[in-house]
């Protein structure tokens, strides 16, 4: 029998999971050439990374050389913060993407990159769960919608953003903008640089210079997490603005708010401030050459430093003051310390109680009274009378 390949991929729906934190995964039924059918689960960020790698493997078919030669389907970049609505709305796009992918020429649809991505993993058979966390919620596609992918899909449309000010590129990989220019966002990177296209031009643009057409984009940003995520500084930076932090390579910090423009709010001990996210790396992650190369770029501009901003929205983006970050961060740290202190006090009280109970004299069993002479004569045998009386 020849090499394995995929005959068909059905999107079944998605799951809302709560461990290790709330997230969403799509469910696919993959039908193989040996007539076997396997259910797999993938996050959209995984699918998008797979898509980007596929495009790099086939630059002609992805339209990188000539857009007219493109046959690999489009896939919109993931939102900064995926909620249930975006997960649900994306199902049609994913169904159409998988349908087109499997029907591409064999050199693409049957390549190892495609086959390996859709193979069953250990996590597909045994998802990581926690008995104390509630079970995943399953959302299945209607049966009728699975018959024809075109019934549940609409044309794949990239998100359109508008430039709020003029931007002059500083390298060949970037793209210049004029205030009011409309661009389609192909890829959103958490470092604050987004890859955009405008007519025949393509290049990286600072996210700070872009605004969505339907209003401020706070919905894409996560809420502050004052518990903090551990990160390591991979490139030193000297603060320019008062609300920024100066750190050295190798410093360990905590990220408490990830912002779209690539400037994250971090905590060093009890001090908070902004720092370029592209110079940080999550604790425990492997430092790859691609990440090291990325850090050679300059940090993107911050929204607060852009002059002559021309927004079409009356209401601007909500901004949290640095004083609010500091106050809430200190409150969180203090609450954690109090909780630890209380738990230690409870433990010491329990130990003291146990020690006190151990030192108490143990109660002796009561000695029953001696039976009377009449009771012995009435209830005992003759041999017992002679021994006792």
Protein backbone atom coordinates (compact mmCIF):
# COMPACT_ATOMS: atom_id res chain seq x y z
CA UNK A 1 0.00 0.00 0.00
CA UNK A 2 1.27 3.49 -0.84
CA UNK A 3 1.89 6.46 1.43
CA UNK A 4 -0.99 7.71 3.55
CA UNK A 5 -2.97 10.65 2.27
CA UNK A 6 -6.20 12.44 3.19
CA UNK A 7 -9.38 11.84 1.17
CA UNK A 8 -11.59 14.34 2.94
CA UNK A 9 -11.77 16.60 6.02
CA UNK A 10 -15.07 17.44 7.74
CA UNK A 11 -15.37 20.24 10.26
CA UNK A 12 -17.62 18.90 13.03
CA UNK A 13 -17.75 22.01 15.22
CA UNK A 14 -15.72 23.29 18.15
CA UNK A 15 -15.17 22.79 21.88
CA UNK A 16 -14.91 25.37 24.61
CA UNK A 17 -12.32 24.08 27.07
CA UNK A 18 -11.47 25.34 30.55
CA UNK A 19 -8.11 23.69 31.27
CA UNK A 20 -5.37 24.84 31.67
CA UNK A 21 -7.30 28.06 30.87
CA UNK A 22 -10.36 28.87 28.79
CA UNK A 23 -9.73 28.32 25.07
CA UNK A 24 -11.39 26.94 21.94
CA UNK A 25 -10.46 24.02 19.69
CA UNK A 26 -11.98 22.94 16.38
CA UNK A 27 -13.05 19.33 15.81
CA UNK A 28 -12.22 17.71 12.47
CA UNK A 29 -13.16 14.30 11.11
CA UNK A 30 -10.23 13.27 8.89
CA UNK A 31 -10.92 10.52 6.33
CA UNK A 32 -7.80 8.68 5.13
CA UNK A 33 -7.03 6.63 2.04
CA UNK A 34 -7.20 3.36 4.03
CA UNK A 35 -10.89 4.21 4.76
CA UNK A 36 -10.16 4.96 8.41
CA UNK A 37 -11.73 8.03 10.03
CA UNK A 38 -10.14 9.91 12.93
CA UNK A 39 -11.31 12.86 15.03
CA UNK A 40 -8.67 15.48 15.81
CA UNK A 41 -8.69 18.77 17.73
CA UNK A 42 -6.73 21.89 16.70
CA UNK A 43 -6.57 25.49 17.91
CA UNK A 44 -6.92 28.14 15.23
CA UNK A 45 -3.47 29.53 16.04
CA UNK A 46 -2.04 26.06 15.25
CA UNK A 47 -3.92 25.96 11.95
CA UNK A 48 -2.65 29.41 11.02
CA UNK A 49 0.97 28.49 11.79
CA UNK A 50 0.51 25.38 9.62
CA UNK A 51 -0.89 27.61 6.85
CA UNK A 52 2.07 30.02 7.00
CA UNK A 53 4.57 27.16 6.78
CA UNK A 54 2.68 25.68 3.81
CA UNK A 55 2.91 29.00 1.96
CA UNK A 56 6.67 29.16 2.57
CA UNK A 57 7.05 25.64 1.15
CA UNK A 58 5.15 26.54 -2.03
CA UNK A 59 5.86 30.23 -2.78
CA UNK A 60 4.61 30.04 -6.39
CA UNK A 61 1.30 28.38 -5.50
CA UNK A 62 0.86 30.83 -2.59
CA UNK A 63 1.17 33.82 -4.94
CA UNK A 64 4.30 35.27 -3.35
CA UNK A 65 6.00 35.55 -6.76
CA UNK A 66 2.94 36.31 -8.86
CA UNK A 67 -0.47 36.75 -7.24
CA UNK A 68 -2.18 35.36 -10.34
CA UNK A 69 -0.59 31.94 -9.72
CA UNK A 70 -2.06 31.56 -6.26
CA UNK A 71 -4.03 28.35 -5.67
CA UNK A 72 -3.43 27.90 -1.93
CA UNK A 73 -6.54 29.30 -0.20
CA UNK A 74 -6.48 32.39 1.98
CA UNK A 75 -6.80 32.11 5.73
CA UNK A 76 -7.39 35.28 7.81
CA UNK A 77 -4.95 35.91 10.63
CA UNK A 78 -6.16 35.03 14.13
CA UNK A 79 -7.56 37.80 16.25
CA UNK A 80 -5.45 38.97 19.13
CA UNK A 81 -7.98 37.57 21.58
CA UNK A 82 -10.31 34.88 20.25
CA UNK A 83 -13.74 34.70 21.85
CA UNK A 84 -16.67 32.38 21.24
CA UNK A 85 -18.22 34.63 18.59
CA UNK A 86 -15.11 34.76 16.41
CA UNK A 87 -14.60 31.00 16.88
CA UNK A 88 -18.14 30.32 15.72
CA UNK A 89 -18.05 32.77 12.81
CA UNK A 90 -14.81 31.28 11.49
CA UNK A 91 -16.27 27.79 10.98
CA UNK A 92 -17.42 28.46 7.44
CA UNK A 93 -14.02 29.79 6.44
CA UNK A 94 -12.29 26.73 7.92
CA UNK A 95 -14.65 24.29 6.23
CA UNK A 96 -13.99 25.91 2.85
CA UNK A 97 -10.25 26.03 3.54
CA UNK A 98 -10.04 22.30 4.30
CA UNK A 99 -12.19 21.42 1.29
CA UNK A 100 -9.90 23.43 -1.02
CA UNK A 101 -6.72 22.15 0.64
CA UNK A 102 -7.53 18.47 0.09
CA UNK A 103 -8.35 19.15 -3.57
CA UNK A 104 -5.06 20.91 -4.37
CA UNK A 105 -2.47 19.15 -6.59
CA UNK A 106 -1.02 16.06 -4.91
CA UNK A 107 2.41 17.63 -4.37
CA UNK A 108 0.66 19.99 -1.91
CA UNK A 109 -2.35 18.06 -0.58
CA UNK A 110 -0.34 14.89 0.02
CA UNK A 111 2.93 16.40 1.22
CA UNK A 112 4.28 15.38 4.64
CA UNK A 113 3.52 18.80 6.10
CA UNK A 114 -0.21 18.34 5.45
CA UNK A 115 -0.31 14.65 6.36
CA UNK A 116 1.56 15.10 9.64
CA UNK A 117 -0.54 18.07 10.76
CA UNK A 118 -3.81 16.15 10.43
CA UNK A 119 -2.53 12.91 11.98
CA UNK A 120 -3.96 11.86 15.34
CA UNK A 121 -1.90 13.08 18.29
CA UNK A 122 -1.76 11.74 21.81
CA UNK A 123 -3.75 14.77 23.04
CA UNK A 124 -6.52 13.98 20.53
CA UNK A 125 -7.06 10.60 22.17
CA UNK A 126 -6.41 11.74 25.74
CA UNK A 127 -7.13 15.48 26.15
CA UNK A 128 -5.47 17.12 29.15
CA UNK A 129 -8.18 17.60 31.77
CA UNK A 130 -8.61 18.42 35.43
CA UNK A 131 -11.35 16.81 37.49
CA UNK A 132 -11.86 20.06 39.39
CA UNK A 133 -12.49 22.04 36.19
CA UNK A 134 -15.85 21.73 34.44
CA UNK A 135 -15.98 19.57 31.34
CA UNK A 136 -15.60 21.07 27.82
CA UNK A 137 -18.69 22.45 26.13
CA UNK A 138 -19.27 21.00 22.65
CA UNK A 139 -20.83 23.02 19.81
CA UNK A 140 -21.59 20.90 16.73
CA UNK A 141 -22.38 22.19 13.26
CA UNK A 142 -25.95 21.52 12.07
CA UNK A 143 -26.14 18.25 10.10
CA UNK A 144 -27.45 19.95 6.97
CA UNK A 145 -24.48 22.31 6.82
CA UNK A 146 -22.00 19.41 6.54
CA UNK A 147 -23.35 18.20 3.21
CA UNK A 148 -21.89 21.07 1.22
CA UNK A 149 -19.21 23.40 2.55
CA UNK A 150 -20.55 26.22 0.41
CA UNK A 151 -23.74 26.15 2.49
CA UNK A 152 -21.91 27.37 5.58
CA UNK A 153 -19.33 29.65 4.11
CA UNK A 154 -19.01 33.05 2.61
CA UNK A 155 -16.10 34.59 0.70
CA UNK A 156 -12.96 34.72 2.82
CA UNK A 157 -12.46 38.37 3.71
CA UNK A 158 -9.40 39.73 5.45
CA UNK A 159 -9.89 42.31 8.19
CA UNK A 160 -9.70 45.87 6.89
CA UNK A 161 -8.02 48.57 8.95
CA UNK A 162 -7.47 52.28 8.39
CA UNK A 163 -4.26 54.28 8.89
CA UNK A 164 -4.69 57.00 11.54
CA UNK A 165 -1.54 58.93 10.56
CA UNK A 166 1.24 59.03 7.98
CA UNK A 167 3.93 56.38 8.42
CA UNK A 168 7.24 56.34 6.58
CA UNK A 169 8.86 52.93 6.30
CA UNK A 170 12.39 52.47 7.62
CA UNK A 171 13.24 49.18 5.85
CA UNK A 172 12.38 47.36 2.63
CA UNK A 173 10.21 44.84 4.51
CA UNK A 174 7.88 47.60 5.75
CA UNK A 175 5.15 49.54 3.95
CA UNK A 176 4.59 53.31 4.01
CA UNK A 177 1.13 54.66 4.75
CA UNK A 178 -0.81 57.89 4.44
CA UNK A 179 -3.53 58.86 6.88
CA UNK A 180 -6.80 57.35 5.66
CA UNK A 181 -5.22 54.50 3.67
CA UNK A 182 -7.20 51.25 3.86
CA UNK A 183 -5.20 48.04 4.28
CA UNK A 184 -6.07 44.35 4.62
CA UNK A 185 -4.35 42.66 7.57
CA UNK A 186 -2.84 39.34 6.54
CA UNK A 187 -1.02 38.54 9.79
CA UNK A 188 -1.11 40.02 13.28
CA UNK A 189 2.06 39.52 15.27
CA UNK A 190 2.07 40.05 19.02
CA UNK A 191 5.26 42.10 18.70
CA UNK A 192 3.22 45.03 17.36
CA UNK A 193 4.15 44.63 13.67
CA UNK A 194 1.31 43.53 11.35
CA UNK A 195 1.76 42.27 7.80
CA UNK A 196 -0.64 44.13 5.51
CA UNK A 197 -1.48 44.47 1.87
CA UNK A 198 -2.85 47.43 -0.06
CA UNK A 199 -3.52 46.90 -3.76
CA UNK A 200 -0.18 45.62 -5.10
CA UNK A 201 1.87 46.64 -2.05
CA UNK A 202 2.63 44.38 0.91
CA UNK A 203 4.75 44.87 4.00
CA UNK A 204 4.96 45.23 7.78
CA UNK A 205 3.13 48.13 9.45
CA UNK A 206 3.09 49.18 13.13
CA UNK A 207 -0.22 48.11 14.67
CA UNK A 208 -0.31 51.42 16.54
CA UNK A 209 -0.97 53.23 13.24
CA UNK A 210 -4.06 51.16 12.40
CA UNK A 211 -7.65 51.30 13.61
CA UNK A 212 -10.56 48.97 12.75
CA UNK A 213 -13.44 50.39 10.75
CA UNK A 214 -16.13 49.44 13.25
CA UNK A 215 -14.68 51.16 16.30
CA UNK A 216 -11.88 50.99 18.89
CA UNK A 217 -10.26 47.56 19.10
CA UNK A 218 -10.29 46.87 22.84
CA UNK A 219 -12.37 43.75 22.15
CA UNK A 220 -9.26 42.12 20.68
CA UNK A 221 -7.16 42.82 23.77
CA UNK A 222 -7.11 40.59 26.80
CA UNK A 223 -7.91 42.01 30.20
CA UNK A 224 -4.99 42.74 32.55
CA UNK A 225 -3.74 39.67 34.37
CA UNK A 226 -2.30 40.88 37.65
CA UNK A 227 -1.19 37.35 38.56
CA UNK A 228 1.40 37.85 35.81
CA UNK A 229 3.09 35.50 33.35
CA UNK A 230 6.80 34.82 33.81
CA UNK A 231 8.99 36.12 30.95
CA UNK A 232 12.72 36.59 30.43
CA UNK A 233 14.29 39.70 28.88
CA UNK A 234 16.17 38.68 25.73
CA UNK A 235 17.28 42.17 24.71
CA UNK A 236 18.12 45.18 26.84
CA UNK A 237 16.15 48.38 26.44
CA UNK A 238 16.62 51.85 27.93
CA UNK A 239 13.42 53.70 28.77
CA UNK A 240 12.63 56.76 26.67
CA UNK A 241 9.27 57.72 28.17
CA UNK A 242 8.56 58.10 31.88
CA UNK A 243 6.15 55.15 31.95
CA UNK A 244 8.64 52.70 30.40
CA UNK A 245 11.10 50.42 32.19
CA UNK A 246 14.83 49.97 31.65
CA UNK A 247 15.87 46.32 31.81
CA UNK A 248 18.91 44.21 31.03
CA UNK A 249 19.15 40.95 29.13
CA UNK A 250 18.49 38.01 31.44
CA UNK A 251 16.16 39.86 33.82
CA UNK A 252 13.08 37.94 34.89
CA UNK A 253 9.80 39.87 34.87
CA UNK A 254 6.04 39.29 34.87
CA UNK A 255 3.75 40.38 32.04
CA UNK A 256 0.45 41.73 33.38
CA UNK A 257 -1.13 43.22 30.23
CA UNK A 258 -0.52 42.31 26.58
CA UNK A 259 -1.42 45.21 24.29
CA UNK A 260 -1.97 45.22 20.53
CA UNK A 261 0.71 47.78 19.73
CA UNK A 262 3.47 45.46 20.99
CA UNK A 263 4.19 47.43 24.18
CA UNK A 264 3.28 45.25 27.13
CA UNK A 265 2.81 46.30 30.73
CA UNK A 266 5.24 44.34 32.87
CA UNK A 267 6.08 44.08 36.57
CA UNK A 268 9.60 43.97 37.98
CA UNK A 269 9.36 43.36 41.72
CA UNK A 270 6.67 45.94 42.59
CA UNK A 271 7.41 48.37 39.74
CA UNK A 272 5.30 48.39 36.58
CA UNK A 273 5.85 49.97 33.16
CA UNK A 274 5.84 49.46 29.38
CA UNK A 275 8.38 47.29 27.59
CA UNK A 276 8.67 46.11 23.94
CA UNK A 277 7.15 42.62 23.72
CA UNK A 278 9.53 41.63 20.91
CA UNK A 279 12.42 41.76 23.40
CA UNK A 280 10.72 39.29 25.77
CA UNK A 281 10.48 35.52 25.73
CA UNK A 282 8.18 33.33 27.78
CA UNK A 283 9.99 31.53 30.58
CA UNK A 284 10.82 27.98 29.58
CA UNK A 285 10.51 28.53 25.82
CA UNK A 286 13.40 27.62 23.52
CA UNK A 287 15.22 30.56 21.98
CA UNK A 288 15.16 29.95 18.20
CA UNK A 289 17.19 31.69 15.51
CA UNK A 290 13.99 33.17 14.05
CA UNK A 291 13.17 34.83 17.36
CA UNK A 292 16.72 36.10 17.72
CA UNK A 293 16.60 37.57 14.23
CA UNK A 294 13.29 39.26 14.98
CA UNK A 295 14.83 41.06 17.96
CA UNK A 296 17.31 42.77 15.67
CA UNK A 297 14.45 44.93 14.42
CA UNK A 298 13.56 48.16 16.16
CA UNK A 299 10.60 48.26 18.49
CA UNK A 300 7.36 49.56 16.93
CA UNK A 301 6.18 53.05 17.89
CA UNK A 302 3.71 53.41 20.73
CA UNK A 303 0.24 54.79 20.15
CA UNK A 304 0.83 57.59 22.62
CA UNK A 305 3.82 58.89 20.62
CA UNK A 306 1.99 59.22 17.27
CA UNK A 307 1.33 62.83 16.26
CA UNK A 308 -1.37 64.27 14.00
CA UNK A 309 -3.69 61.33 14.60
CA UNK A 310 -6.84 61.46 12.46
CA UNK A 311 -9.34 58.91 13.73
CA UNK A 312 -12.80 58.41 12.26
CA UNK A 313 -14.23 57.37 15.63
CA UNK A 314 -15.63 59.84 18.12
CA UNK A 315 -14.75 57.64 21.06
CA UNK A 316 -11.10 56.74 21.37
CA UNK A 317 -9.53 53.63 22.83
CA UNK A 318 -9.81 53.22 26.57
CA UNK A 319 -6.43 53.53 28.20
CA UNK A 320 -5.47 52.33 31.66
CA UNK A 321 -3.19 54.68 33.53
CA UNK A 322 0.12 53.44 34.83
CA UNK A 323 -0.99 54.42 38.33
CA UNK A 324 -3.98 52.04 37.99
CA UNK A 325 -1.65 49.23 36.90
CA UNK A 326 0.61 49.87 39.92
CA UNK A 327 -2.26 50.10 42.40
CA UNK A 328 -4.02 46.94 41.21
CA UNK A 329 -0.74 45.08 40.99
CA UNK A 330 0.17 45.98 44.57
CA UNK A 331 -3.31 44.97 45.73
CA UNK A 332 -2.94 41.60 44.05
CA UNK A 333 0.51 40.98 45.56
CA UNK A 334 -0.76 42.03 49.01
CA UNK A 335 -3.79 39.74 48.75
CA UNK A 336 -1.58 36.81 47.77
CA UNK A 337 0.73 37.47 50.70
CA UNK A 338 -2.23 37.68 53.09
CA UNK A 339 -3.63 34.40 51.75
CA UNK A 340 -0.27 32.69 52.18
CA UNK A 341 0.02 34.14 55.68
CA UNK A 342 -3.46 32.94 56.63
CA UNK A 343 -2.82 29.45 55.28
CA UNK A 344 0.45 29.27 57.28
CA UNK A 345 -1.32 30.47 60.43
CA UNK A 346 -4.04 27.85 59.97
CA UNK A 347 -1.42 25.17 59.50
CA UNK A 348 0.43 26.24 62.67
CA UNK A 349 -2.84 26.27 64.66
CA UNK A 350 -3.62 22.74 63.50
CA UNK A 351 -0.11 21.58 64.46
CA UNK A 352 -0.41 23.21 67.90
CA UNK A 353 -3.79 21.56 68.45
CA UNK A 354 -2.42 18.19 67.45
CA UNK A 355 0.59 18.61 69.76
CA UNK A 356 -1.66 19.66 72.64
CA UNK A 357 -3.87 16.65 72.09
CA UNK A 358 -0.85 14.35 72.00
CA UNK A 359 0.41 15.74 75.35
CA UNK A 360 -2.90 15.17 77.13
CA UNK A 361 -2.95 12.03 79.41
CA UNK A 362 -4.87 9.32 77.67
CA UNK A 363 -8.10 8.18 79.43
CA UNK A 364 -7.88 4.77 81.15
CA UNK A 365 -10.66 2.18 80.69
CA UNK A 366 -13.10 1.99 83.60
CA UNK A 367 -12.81 -1.09 85.90
CA UNK A 368 -16.20 -2.85 86.34
CA UNK A 369 -17.39 -3.45 89.96
CA UNK A 370 -16.91 -6.90 91.54
CA UNK A 371 -20.09 -9.09 91.31
CA UNK A 372 -21.97 -9.69 94.56
CA UNK A 373 -21.89 -13.08 96.38
CA UNK A 374 -25.53 -13.83 95.54
CA UNK A 375 -24.95 -13.08 91.82
CA UNK A 376 -21.98 -15.46 91.72
CA UNK A 377 -23.97 -18.26 93.45
CA UNK A 378 -26.89 -17.85 91.05
CA UNK A 379 -25.04 -17.55 87.72
CA UNK A 380 -21.71 -19.38 88.06
CA UNK A 381 -20.83 -23.06 88.16
CA UNK A 382 -19.78 -24.95 91.30
CA UNK A 383 -16.10 -24.96 90.28
CA UNK A 384 -16.19 -21.15 89.97
CA UNK A 385 -17.78 -20.77 93.44
CA UNK A 386 -14.95 -22.75 95.02
CA UNK A 387 -12.26 -20.62 93.29
CA UNK A 388 -13.78 -17.23 94.11
CA UNK A 389 -15.61 -17.66 97.41
